[in-house]
Amino acid sequence: QICHERGVLLHTDATQAFGKIQIDVLDLGVDFLSASG
C-alpha cells in the first residue's frame, strides 16, 4: 500500500515462504512475486 501510494511497483521474493505458508498475491497486493522449485 505504501509503495502504490507513491507509484512504486513492488516485487517480493517469496522463495522461503512459497509452499510453506499461505500466500495470496491478491491479498498481498504485490506487483511481482517469485519463488524457486
Full PDB file with SEQRES, HELIX, SHEET, SSBOND, CRYST1, ORIGX, SCALE, CONECT and MASTER records, all heavy atoms in Angstrom:
SEQRES   1 A   37  GLN ILE CYS HIS GLU ARG GLY VAL LEU LEU HIS THR ASP          
SEQRES   2 A   37  ALA THR GLN ALA PHE GLY LYS ILE GLN ILE ASP VAL LEU          
SEQRES   3 A   37  ASP LEU GLY VAL ASP PHE LEU SER ALA SER GLY                  
HELIX    1 AA1 ILE A    2  GLU A    5  1                                   4    
HELIX    2 AA2 VAL A   25  LEU A   28  1                                   4    
SHEET    1 AA1 2 HIS A  11  ASP A  13  0                                        
SHEET    2 AA1 2 PHE A  32  SER A  34  1                                        
CRYST1    1.000    1.000    1.000  90.00  90.00  90.00 P 1           1          
ORIGX1      1.000000  0.000000  0.000000        0.00000                         
ORIGX2      0.000000  1.000000  0.000000        0.00000                         
ORIGX3      0.000000  0.000000  1.000000        0.00000                         
SCALE1      1.000000  0.000000  0.000000        0.00000                         
SCALE2      0.000000  1.000000  0.000000        0.00000                         
SCALE3      0.000000  0.000000  1.000000        0.00000                         
ATOM      1  N   GLN A   1       0.832  -1.208   0.000  1.00  0.00           N  
ATOM      2  CA  GLN A   1       0.000   0.000   0.000  1.00  0.00           C  
ATOM      3  C   GLN A   1       0.861   1.249   0.000  1.00  0.00           C  
ATOM      4  O   GLN A   1       0.600   2.206  -0.740  1.00  0.00           O  
ATOM      5  CB  GLN A   1      -0.936   0.000   1.219  1.00  0.00           C  
ATOM      6  CG  GLN A   1      -1.868   1.206   1.263  1.00  0.00           C  
ATOM      7  CD  GLN A   1      -2.805   1.160   2.451  1.00  0.00           C  
ATOM      8  OE1 GLN A   1      -2.881   0.156   3.157  1.00  0.00           O  
ATOM      9  NE2 GLN A   1      -3.521   2.244   2.681  1.00  0.00           N  
ATOM     10  N   ILE A   2       1.909   1.239   0.812  1.00  0.00           N  
ATOM     11  CA  ILE A   2       2.827   2.383   0.861  1.00  0.00           C  
ATOM     12  C   ILE A   2       3.475   2.600  -0.508  1.00  0.00           C  
ATOM     13  O   ILE A   2       3.587   3.731  -0.992  1.00  0.00           O  
ATOM     14  CB  ILE A   2       3.907   2.160   1.940  1.00  0.00           C  
ATOM     15  CG1 ILE A   2       3.273   2.192   3.339  1.00  0.00           C  
ATOM     16  CG2 ILE A   2       5.011   3.214   1.837  1.00  0.00           C  
ATOM     17  CD1 ILE A   2       4.225   1.762   4.445  1.00  0.00           C  
ATOM     18  N   CYS A   3       3.900   1.495  -1.140  1.00  0.00           N  
ATOM     19  CA  CYS A   3       4.542   1.595  -2.458  1.00  0.00           C  
ATOM     20  C   CYS A   3       3.578   2.172  -3.491  1.00  0.00           C  
ATOM     21  O   CYS A   3       3.929   3.077  -4.260  1.00  0.00           O  
ATOM     22  CB  CYS A   3       5.027   0.220  -2.913  1.00  0.00           C  
ATOM     23  SG  CYS A   3       6.433  -0.426  -1.985  1.00  0.00           S  
ATOM     24  N   HIS A   4       2.374   1.645  -3.532  1.00  0.00           N  
ATOM     25  CA  HIS A   4       1.419   2.051  -4.553  1.00  0.00           C  
ATOM     26  C   HIS A   4       0.933   3.480  -4.356  1.00  0.00           C  
ATOM     27  O   HIS A   4       0.624   4.170  -5.342  1.00  0.00           O  
ATOM     28  CB  HIS A   4       0.242   1.079  -4.574  1.00  0.00           C  
ATOM     29  CG  HIS A   4       0.626  -0.294  -4.995  1.00  0.00           C  
ATOM     30  ND1 HIS A   4      -0.056  -1.429  -4.622  1.00  0.00           N  
ATOM     31  CD2 HIS A   4       1.663  -0.730  -5.766  1.00  0.00           C  
ATOM     32  CE1 HIS A   4       0.520  -2.487  -5.151  1.00  0.00           C  
ATOM     33  NE2 HIS A   4       1.572  -2.094  -5.850  1.00  0.00           N  
ATOM     34  N   GLU A   5       0.896   3.950  -3.125  1.00  0.00           N  
ATOM     35  CA  GLU A   5       0.530   5.345  -2.876  1.00  0.00           C  
ATOM     36  C   GLU A   5       1.559   6.301  -3.468  1.00  0.00           C  
ATOM     37  O   GLU A   5       1.253   7.457  -3.754  1.00  0.00           O  
ATOM     38  CB  GLU A   5       0.401   5.590  -1.374  1.00  0.00           C  
ATOM     39  CG  GLU A   5      -0.853   4.977  -0.759  1.00  0.00           C  
ATOM     40  CD  GLU A   5      -0.880   5.114   0.759  1.00  0.00           C  
ATOM     41  OE1 GLU A   5       0.158   5.548   1.325  1.00  0.00           O  
ATOM     42  OE2 GLU A   5      -1.909   4.784   1.371  1.00  0.00           O  
ATOM     43  N   ARG A   6       2.780   5.784  -3.671  1.00  0.00           N  
ATOM     44  CA  ARG A   6       3.871   6.595  -4.208  1.00  0.00           C  
ATOM     45  C   ARG A   6       4.235   6.215  -5.629  1.00  0.00           C  
ATOM     46  O   ARG A   6       5.269   6.619  -6.156  1.00  0.00           O  
ATOM     47  CB  ARG A   6       5.087   6.480  -3.290  1.00  0.00           C  
ATOM     48  CG  ARG A   6       4.876   7.166  -1.948  1.00  0.00           C  
ATOM     49  CD  ARG A   6       5.814   6.632  -0.872  1.00  0.00           C  
ATOM     50  NE  ARG A   6       5.657   7.364   0.373  1.00  0.00           N  
ATOM     51  CZ  ARG A   6       4.655   7.175   1.238  1.00  0.00           C  
ATOM     52  NH1 ARG A   6       3.720   6.281   0.964  1.00  0.00           N  
ATOM     53  NH2 ARG A   6       4.587   7.884   2.360  1.00  0.00           N  
ATOM     54  N   GLY A   7       3.396   5.386  -6.256  1.00  0.00           N  
ATOM     55  CA  GLY A   7       3.635   4.995  -7.633  1.00  0.00           C  
ATOM     56  C   GLY A   7       4.791   4.043  -7.820  1.00  0.00           C  
ATOM     57  O   GLY A   7       5.398   3.998  -8.899  1.00  0.00           O  
ATOM     58  N   VAL A   8       5.121   3.267  -6.785  1.00  0.00           N  
ATOM     59  CA  VAL A   8       6.251   2.335  -6.833  1.00  0.00           C  
ATOM     60  C   VAL A   8       5.730   0.907  -6.983  1.00  0.00           C  
ATOM     61  O   VAL A   8       4.802   0.500  -6.288  1.00  0.00           O  
ATOM     62  CB  VAL A   8       7.094   2.437  -5.542  1.00  0.00           C  
ATOM     63  CG1 VAL A   8       8.209   1.392  -5.547  1.00  0.00           C  
ATOM     64  CG2 VAL A   8       7.664   3.831  -5.398  1.00  0.00           C  
ATOM     65  N   LEU A   9       6.318   0.150  -7.901  1.00  0.00           N  
ATOM     66  CA  LEU A   9       5.957  -1.250  -8.069  1.00  0.00           C  
ATOM     67  C   LEU A   9       6.718  -2.098  -7.052  1.00  0.00           C  
ATOM     68  O   LEU A   9       7.867  -1.810  -6.726  1.00  0.00           O  
ATOM     69  CB  LEU A   9       6.290  -1.719  -9.487  1.00  0.00           C  
ATOM     70  CG  LEU A   9       5.580  -0.973 -10.626  1.00  0.00           C  
ATOM     71  CD1 LEU A   9       6.005  -1.540 -11.970  1.00  0.00           C  
ATOM     72  CD2 LEU A   9       4.067  -1.048 -10.461  1.00  0.00           C  
ATOM     73  N   LEU A  10       6.057  -3.164  -6.567  1.00  0.00           N  
ATOM     74  CA  LEU A  10       6.642  -3.990  -5.514  1.00  0.00           C  
ATOM     75  C   LEU A  10       6.841  -5.432  -5.978  1.00  0.00           C  
ATOM     76  O   LEU A  10       5.902  -6.081  -6.444  1.00  0.00           O  
ATOM     77  CB  LEU A  10       5.740  -3.978  -4.274  1.00  0.00           C  
ATOM     78  CG  LEU A  10       6.181  -4.892  -3.118  1.00  0.00           C  
ATOM     79  CD1 LEU A  10       7.523  -4.448  -2.546  1.00  0.00           C  
ATOM     80  CD2 LEU A  10       5.119  -4.931  -2.026  1.00  0.00           C  
ATOM     81  N   HIS A  11       8.070  -5.904  -5.851  1.00  0.00           N  
ATOM     82  CA  HIS A  11       8.388  -7.316  -6.069  1.00  0.00           C  
ATOM     83  C   HIS A  11       8.741  -7.937  -4.726  1.00  0.00           C  
ATOM     84  O   HIS A  11       9.468  -7.340  -3.938  1.00  0.00           O  
ATOM     85  CB  HIS A  11       9.575  -7.490  -7.024  1.00  0.00           C  
ATOM     86  CG  HIS A  11      10.165  -8.877  -6.964  1.00  0.00           C  
ATOM     87  ND1 HIS A  11      11.298  -9.180  -6.236  1.00  0.00           N  
ATOM     88  CD2 HIS A  11       9.753 -10.053  -7.523  1.00  0.00           C  
ATOM     89  CE1 HIS A  11      11.567 -10.462  -6.362  1.00  0.00           C  
ATOM     90  NE2 HIS A  11      10.653 -11.017  -7.132  1.00  0.00           N  
ATOM     91  N   THR A  12       8.216  -9.112  -4.454  1.00  0.00           N  
ATOM     92  CA  THR A  12       8.595  -9.819  -3.233  1.00  0.00           C  
ATOM     93  C   THR A  12       9.199 -11.172  -3.578  1.00  0.00           C  
ATOM     94  O   THR A  12       8.677 -11.903  -4.428  1.00  0.00           O  
ATOM     95  CB  THR A  12       7.400 -10.000  -2.275  1.00  0.00           C  
ATOM     96  OG1 THR A  12       7.864 -10.607  -1.065  1.00  0.00           O  
ATOM     97  CG2 THR A  12       6.321 -10.884  -2.872  1.00  0.00           C  
ATOM     98  N   ASP A  13      10.325 -11.476  -2.954  1.00  0.00           N  
ATOM     99  CA  ASP A  13      10.979 -12.769  -3.111  1.00  0.00           C  
ATOM    100  C   ASP A  13      10.342 -13.718  -2.102  1.00  0.00           C  
ATOM    101  O   ASP A  13      10.620 -13.635  -0.904  1.00  0.00           O  
ATOM    102  CB  ASP A  13      12.475 -12.623  -2.851  1.00  0.00           C  
ATOM    103  CG  ASP A  13      13.221 -13.945  -2.938  1.00  0.00           C  
ATOM    104  OD1 ASP A  13      12.556 -14.988  -3.107  1.00  0.00           O  
ATOM    105  OD2 ASP A  13      14.456 -13.944  -2.827  1.00  0.00           O  
ATOM    106  N   ALA A  14       9.483 -14.589  -2.579  1.00  0.00           N  
ATOM    107  CA  ALA A  14       8.730 -15.489  -1.695  1.00  0.00           C  
ATOM    108  C   ALA A  14       9.329 -16.889  -1.635  1.00  0.00           C  
ATOM    109  O   ALA A  14       8.652 -17.843  -1.245  1.00  0.00           O  
ATOM    110  CB  ALA A  14       7.280 -15.567  -2.152  1.00  0.00           C  
ATOM    111  N   THR A  15      10.590 -17.018  -1.992  1.00  0.00           N  
ATOM    112  CA  THR A  15      11.213 -18.338  -2.070  1.00  0.00           C  
ATOM    113  C   THR A  15      11.116 -19.112  -0.765  1.00  0.00           C  
ATOM    114  O   THR A  15      10.868 -20.317  -0.768  1.00  0.00           O  
ATOM    115  CB  THR A  15      12.688 -18.203  -2.498  1.00  0.00           C  
ATOM    116  OG1 THR A  15      12.737 -17.700  -3.837  1.00  0.00           O  
ATOM    117  CG2 THR A  15      13.398 -19.537  -2.452  1.00  0.00           C  
ATOM    118  N   GLN A  16      11.320 -18.442   0.370  1.00  0.00           N  
ATOM    119  CA  GLN A  16      11.296 -19.149   1.647  1.00  0.00           C  
ATOM    120  C   GLN A  16       9.888 -19.304   2.200  1.00  0.00           C  
ATOM    121  O   GLN A  16       9.691 -19.941   3.221  1.00  0.00           O  
ATOM    122  CB  GLN A  16      12.177 -18.411   2.666  1.00  0.00           C  
ATOM    123  CG  GLN A  16      13.656 -18.428   2.335  1.00  0.00           C  
ATOM    124  CD  GLN A  16      14.302 -19.790   2.539  1.00  0.00           C  
ATOM    125  OE1 GLN A  16      13.629 -20.796   2.713  1.00  0.00           O  
ATOM    126  NE2 GLN A  16      15.620 -19.830   2.508  1.00  0.00           N  
ATOM    127  N   ALA A  17       8.901 -18.704   1.560  1.00  0.00           N  
ATOM    128  CA  ALA A  17       7.518 -18.782   2.047  1.00  0.00           C  
ATOM    129  C   ALA A  17       6.646 -19.675   1.173  1.00  0.00           C  
ATOM    130  O   ALA A  17       5.727 -20.336   1.664  1.00  0.00           O  
ATOM    131  CB  ALA A  17       6.911 -17.380   2.116  1.00  0.00           C  
ATOM    132  N   PHE A  18       6.939 -19.707  -0.111  1.00  0.00           N  
ATOM    133  CA  PHE A  18       6.113 -20.446  -1.074  1.00  0.00           C  
ATOM    134  C   PHE A  18       6.048 -21.928  -0.716  1.00  0.00           C  
ATOM    135  O   PHE A  18       7.069 -22.589  -0.513  1.00  0.00           O  
ATOM    136  CB  PHE A  18       6.690 -20.273  -2.479  1.00  0.00           C  
ATOM    137  CG  PHE A  18       5.900 -20.959  -3.549  1.00  0.00           C  
ATOM    138  CD1 PHE A  18       4.706 -20.425  -4.000  1.00  0.00           C  
ATOM    139  CD2 PHE A  18       6.337 -22.159  -4.101  1.00  0.00           C  
ATOM    140  CE1 PHE A  18       3.967 -21.061  -4.991  1.00  0.00           C  
ATOM    141  CE2 PHE A  18       5.613 -22.798  -5.087  1.00  0.00           C  
ATOM    142  CZ  PHE A  18       4.418 -22.249  -5.528  1.00  0.00           C  
ATOM    143  N   GLY A  19       4.838 -22.458  -0.604  1.00  0.00           N  
ATOM    144  CA  GLY A  19       4.645 -23.865  -0.291  1.00  0.00           C  
ATOM    145  C   GLY A  19       4.776 -24.195   1.183  1.00  0.00           C  
ATOM    146  O   GLY A  19       4.622 -25.353   1.578  1.00  0.00           O  
ATOM    147  N   LYS A  20       5.052 -23.182   2.005  1.00  0.00           N  
ATOM    148  CA  LYS A  20       5.258 -23.413   3.444  1.00  0.00           C  
ATOM    149  C   LYS A  20       4.227 -22.675   4.294  1.00  0.00           C  
ATOM    150  O   LYS A  20       3.836 -23.141   5.358  1.00  0.00           O  
ATOM    151  CB  LYS A  20       6.669 -22.997   3.835  1.00  0.00           C  
ATOM    152  CG  LYS A  20       7.750 -23.769   3.070  1.00  0.00           C  
ATOM    153  CD  LYS A  20       9.118 -23.197   3.315  1.00  0.00           C  
ATOM    154  CE  LYS A  20      10.161 -23.917   2.457  1.00  0.00           C  
ATOM    155  NZ  LYS A  20      11.505 -23.316   2.598  1.00  0.00           N  
ATOM    156  N   ILE A  21       3.832 -21.491   3.839  1.00  0.00           N  
ATOM    157  CA  ILE A  21       2.760 -20.748   4.482  1.00  0.00           C  
ATOM    158  C   ILE A  21       1.814 -20.260   3.386  1.00  0.00           C  
ATOM    159  O   ILE A  21       2.184 -20.215   2.212  1.00  0.00           O  
ATOM    160  CB  ILE A  21       3.278 -19.548   5.310  1.00  0.00           C  
ATOM    161  CG1 ILE A  21       4.025 -18.553   4.409  1.00  0.00           C  
ATOM    162  CG2 ILE A  21       4.177 -20.021   6.453  1.00  0.00           C  
ATOM    163  CD1 ILE A  21       4.467 -17.293   5.130  1.00  0.00           C  
ATOM    164  N   GLN A  22       0.610 -19.898   3.779  1.00  0.00           N  
ATOM    165  CA  GLN A  22      -0.377 -19.459   2.798  1.00  0.00           C  
ATOM    166  C   GLN A  22       0.053 -18.140   2.146  1.00  0.00           C  
ATOM    167  O   GLN A  22       0.472 -17.211   2.833  1.00  0.00           O  
ATOM    168  CB  GLN A  22      -1.733 -19.261   3.484  1.00  0.00           C  
ATOM    169  CG  GLN A  22      -2.373 -20.560   3.965  1.00  0.00           C  
ATOM    170  CD  GLN A  22      -2.822 -21.443   2.818  1.00  0.00           C  
ATOM    171  OE1 GLN A  22      -2.984 -21.002   1.678  1.00  0.00           O  
ATOM    172  NE2 GLN A  22      -3.024 -22.724   3.121  1.00  0.00           N  
ATOM    173  N   ILE A  23      -0.041 -18.088   0.828  1.00  0.00           N  
ATOM    174  CA  ILE A  23       0.294 -16.875   0.077  1.00  0.00           C  
ATOM    175  C   ILE A  23      -0.854 -16.567  -0.879  1.00  0.00           C  
ATOM    176  O   ILE A  23      -1.283 -17.435  -1.636  1.00  0.00           O  
ATOM    177  CB  ILE A  23       1.597 -17.049  -0.738  1.00  0.00           C  
ATOM    178  CG1 ILE A  23       2.793 -17.242   0.187  1.00  0.00           C  
ATOM    179  CG2 ILE A  23       1.836 -15.847  -1.647  1.00  0.00           C  
ATOM    180  CD1 ILE A  23       4.091 -17.499  -0.554  1.00  0.00           C  
ATOM    181  N   ASP A  24      -1.334 -15.346  -0.839  1.00  0.00           N  
ATOM    182  CA  ASP A  24      -2.373 -14.888  -1.748  1.00  0.00           C  
ATOM    183  C   ASP A  24      -1.889 -13.582  -2.370  1.00  0.00           C  
ATOM    184  O   ASP A  24      -1.827 -12.561  -1.692  1.00  0.00           O  
ATOM    185  CB  ASP A  24      -3.690 -14.668  -0.992  1.00  0.00           C  
ATOM    186  CG  ASP A  24      -4.856 -14.324  -1.921  1.00  0.00           C  
ATOM    187  OD1 ASP A  24      -4.615 -13.700  -2.966  1.00  0.00           O  
ATOM    188  OD2 ASP A  24      -6.008 -14.666  -1.588  1.00  0.00           O  
ATOM    189  N   VAL A  25      -1.529 -13.623  -3.645  1.00  0.00           N  
ATOM    190  CA  VAL A  25      -0.945 -12.441  -4.278  1.00  0.00           C  
ATOM    191  C   VAL A  25      -1.925 -11.273  -4.311  1.00  0.00           C  
ATOM    192  O   VAL A  25      -1.527 -10.106  -4.270  1.00  0.00           O  
ATOM    193  CB  VAL A  25      -0.452 -12.753  -5.709  1.00  0.00           C  
ATOM    194  CG1 VAL A  25       0.750 -13.694  -5.659  1.00  0.00           C  
ATOM    195  CG2 VAL A  25      -1.569 -13.357  -6.556  1.00  0.00           C  
ATOM    196  N   LEU A  26      -3.215 -11.580  -4.384  1.00  0.00           N  
ATOM    197  CA  LEU A  26      -4.211 -10.502  -4.392  1.00  0.00           C  
ATOM    198  C   LEU A  26      -4.300  -9.854  -3.018  1.00  0.00           C  
ATOM    199  O   LEU A  26      -4.401  -8.629  -2.894  1.00  0.00           O  
ATOM    200  CB  LEU A  26      -5.572 -11.048  -4.817  1.00  0.00           C  
ATOM    201  CG  LEU A  26      -5.640 -11.641  -6.223  1.00  0.00           C  
ATOM    202  CD1 LEU A  26      -7.052 -12.148  -6.516  1.00  0.00           C  
ATOM    203  CD2 LEU A  26      -5.212 -10.616  -7.269  1.00  0.00           C  
ATOM    204  N   ASP A  27      -4.259 -10.676  -1.979  1.00  0.00           N  
ATOM    205  CA  ASP A  27      -4.300 -10.146  -0.624  1.00  0.00           C  
ATOM    206  C   ASP A  27      -3.042  -9.345  -0.306  1.00  0.00           C  
ATOM    207  O   ASP A  27      -3.097  -8.301   0.346  1.00  0.00           O  
ATOM    208  CB  ASP A  27      -4.470 -11.292   0.380  1.00  0.00           C  
ATOM    209  CG  ASP A  27      -4.540 -10.800   1.818  1.00  0.00           C  
ATOM    210  OD1 ASP A  27      -5.422  -9.973   2.109  1.00  0.00           O  
ATOM    211  OD2 ASP A  27      -3.719 -11.223   2.637  1.00  0.00           O  
ATOM    212  N   LEU A  28      -1.890  -9.829  -0.782  1.00  0.00           N  
ATOM    213  CA  LEU A  28      -0.625  -9.118  -0.544  1.00  0.00           C  
ATOM    214  C   LEU A  28      -0.550  -7.822  -1.333  1.00  0.00           C  
ATOM    215  O   LEU A  28       0.104  -6.865  -0.911  1.00  0.00           O  
ATOM    216  CB  LEU A  28       0.559 -10.014  -0.924  1.00  0.00           C  
ATOM    217  CG  LEU A  28       0.816 -11.236  -0.041  1.00  0.00           C  
ATOM    218  CD1 LEU A  28       1.931 -12.084  -0.645  1.00  0.00           C  
ATOM    219  CD2 LEU A  28       1.176 -10.817   1.367  1.00  0.00           C  
ATOM    220  N   GLY A  29      -1.190  -7.806  -2.496  1.00  0.00           N  
ATOM    221  CA  GLY A  29      -1.166  -6.604  -3.320  1.00  0.00           C  
ATOM    222  C   GLY A  29       0.141  -6.378  -4.047  1.00  0.00           C  
ATOM    223  O   GLY A  29       0.416  -5.263  -4.498  1.00  0.00           O  
ATOM    224  N   VAL A  30       0.955  -7.428  -4.191  1.00  0.00           N  
ATOM    225  CA  VAL A  30       2.254  -7.282  -4.849  1.00  0.00           C  
ATOM    226  C   VAL A  30       2.075  -7.216  -6.365  1.00  0.00           C  
ATOM    227  O   VAL A  30       1.108  -7.735  -6.914  1.00  0.00           O  
ATOM    228  CB  VAL A  30       3.204  -8.433  -4.481  1.00  0.00           C  
ATOM    229  CG1 VAL A  30       3.504  -8.420  -2.998  1.00  0.00           C  
ATOM    230  CG2 VAL A  30       2.614  -9.784  -4.890  1.00  0.00           C  
ATOM    231  N   ASP A  31       3.033  -6.567  -7.028  1.00  0.00           N  
ATOM    232  CA  ASP A  31       3.019  -6.497  -8.487  1.00  0.00           C  
ATOM    233  C   ASP A  31       3.759  -7.679  -9.103  1.00  0.00           C  
ATOM    234  O   ASP A  31       3.419  -8.134 -10.192  1.00  0.00           O  
ATOM    235  CB  ASP A  31       3.657  -5.184  -8.938  1.00  0.00           C  
ATOM    236  CG  ASP A  31       2.916  -3.986  -8.385  1.00  0.00           C  
ATOM    237  OD1 ASP A  31       1.798  -3.716  -8.843  1.00  0.00           O  
ATOM    238  OD2 ASP A  31       3.459  -3.323  -7.472  1.00  0.00           O  
ATOM    239  N   PHE A  32       4.793  -8.140  -8.403  1.00  0.00           N  
ATOM    240  CA  PHE A  32       5.585  -9.276  -8.859  1.00  0.00           C  
ATOM    241  C   PHE A  32       5.872 -10.169  -7.655  1.00  0.00           C  
ATOM    242  O   PHE A  32       6.054  -9.676  -6.539  1.00  0.00           O  
ATOM    243  CB  PHE A  32       6.921  -8.824  -9.474  1.00  0.00           C  
ATOM    244  CG  PHE A  32       6.792  -7.782 -10.536  1.00  0.00           C  
ATOM    245  CD1 PHE A  32       6.857  -6.432 -10.201  1.00  0.00           C  
ATOM    246  CD2 PHE A  32       6.616  -8.133 -11.862  1.00  0.00           C  
ATOM    247  CE1 PHE A  32       6.744  -5.448 -11.181  1.00  0.00           C  
ATOM    248  CE2 PHE A  32       6.498  -7.158 -12.847  1.00  0.00           C  
ATOM    249  CZ  PHE A  32       6.564  -5.820 -12.504  1.00  0.00           C  
ATOM    250  N   LEU A  33       5.960 -11.480  -7.894  1.00  0.00           N  
ATOM    251  CA  LEU A  33       6.325 -12.420  -6.830  1.00  0.00           C  
ATOM    252  C   LEU A  33       7.062 -13.589  -7.464  1.00  0.00           C  
ATOM    253  O   LEU A  33       6.651 -14.110  -8.503  1.00  0.00           O  
ATOM    254  CB  LEU A  33       5.080 -12.917  -6.090  1.00  0.00           C  
ATOM    255  CG  LEU A  33       5.306 -13.880  -4.933  1.00  0.00           C  
ATOM    256  CD1 LEU A  33       4.324 -13.612  -3.791  1.00  0.00           C  
ATOM    257  CD2 LEU A  33       5.177 -15.343  -5.399  1.00  0.00           C  
ATOM    258  N   SER A  34       8.163 -13.986  -6.848  1.00  0.00           N  
ATOM    259  CA  SER A  34       8.957 -15.085  -7.402  1.00  0.00           C  
ATOM    260  C   SER A  34       9.243 -16.136  -6.339  1.00  0.00           C  
ATOM    261  O   SER A  34       9.246 -15.849  -5.140  1.00  0.00           O  
ATOM    262  CB  SER A  34      10.279 -14.552  -7.981  1.00  0.00           C  
ATOM    263  OG  SER A  34      11.007 -13.837  -6.991  1.00  0.00           O  
ATOM    264  N   ALA A  35       9.486 -17.369  -6.791  1.00  0.00           N  
ATOM    265  CA  ALA A  35       9.810 -18.475  -5.893  1.00  0.00           C  
ATOM    266  C   ALA A  35      10.560 -19.544  -6.670  1.00  0.00           C  
ATOM    267  O   ALA A  35      10.522 -19.562  -7.905  1.00  0.00           O  
ATOM    268  CB  ALA A  35       8.549 -19.062  -5.264  1.00  0.00           C  
ATOM    269  N   SER A  36      11.250 -20.433  -5.950  1.00  0.00           N  
ATOM    270  CA  SER A  36      12.076 -21.469  -6.567  1.00  0.00           C  
ATOM    271  C   SER A  36      11.536 -22.853  -6.257  1.00  0.00           C  
ATOM    272  O   SER A  36      11.007 -23.101  -5.165  1.00  0.00           O  
ATOM    273  CB  SER A  36      13.524 -21.367  -6.066  1.00  0.00           C  
ATOM    274  OG  SER A  36      14.092 -20.133  -6.429  1.00  0.00           O  
ATOM    275  N   GLY A  37      11.713 -23.775  -7.215  1.00  0.00           N  
ATOM    276  CA  GLY A  37      11.200 -25.130  -7.063  1.00  0.00           C  
ATOM    277  C   GLY A  37      11.928 -25.948  -6.020  1.00  0.00           C  
ATOM    278  O   GLY A  37      11.315 -26.735  -5.296  1.00  0.00           O  
TER     279      GLY A  37                                                      
MASTER        0    0    0    2    2    0    0    6  278    1    0    3          
END                                                                             
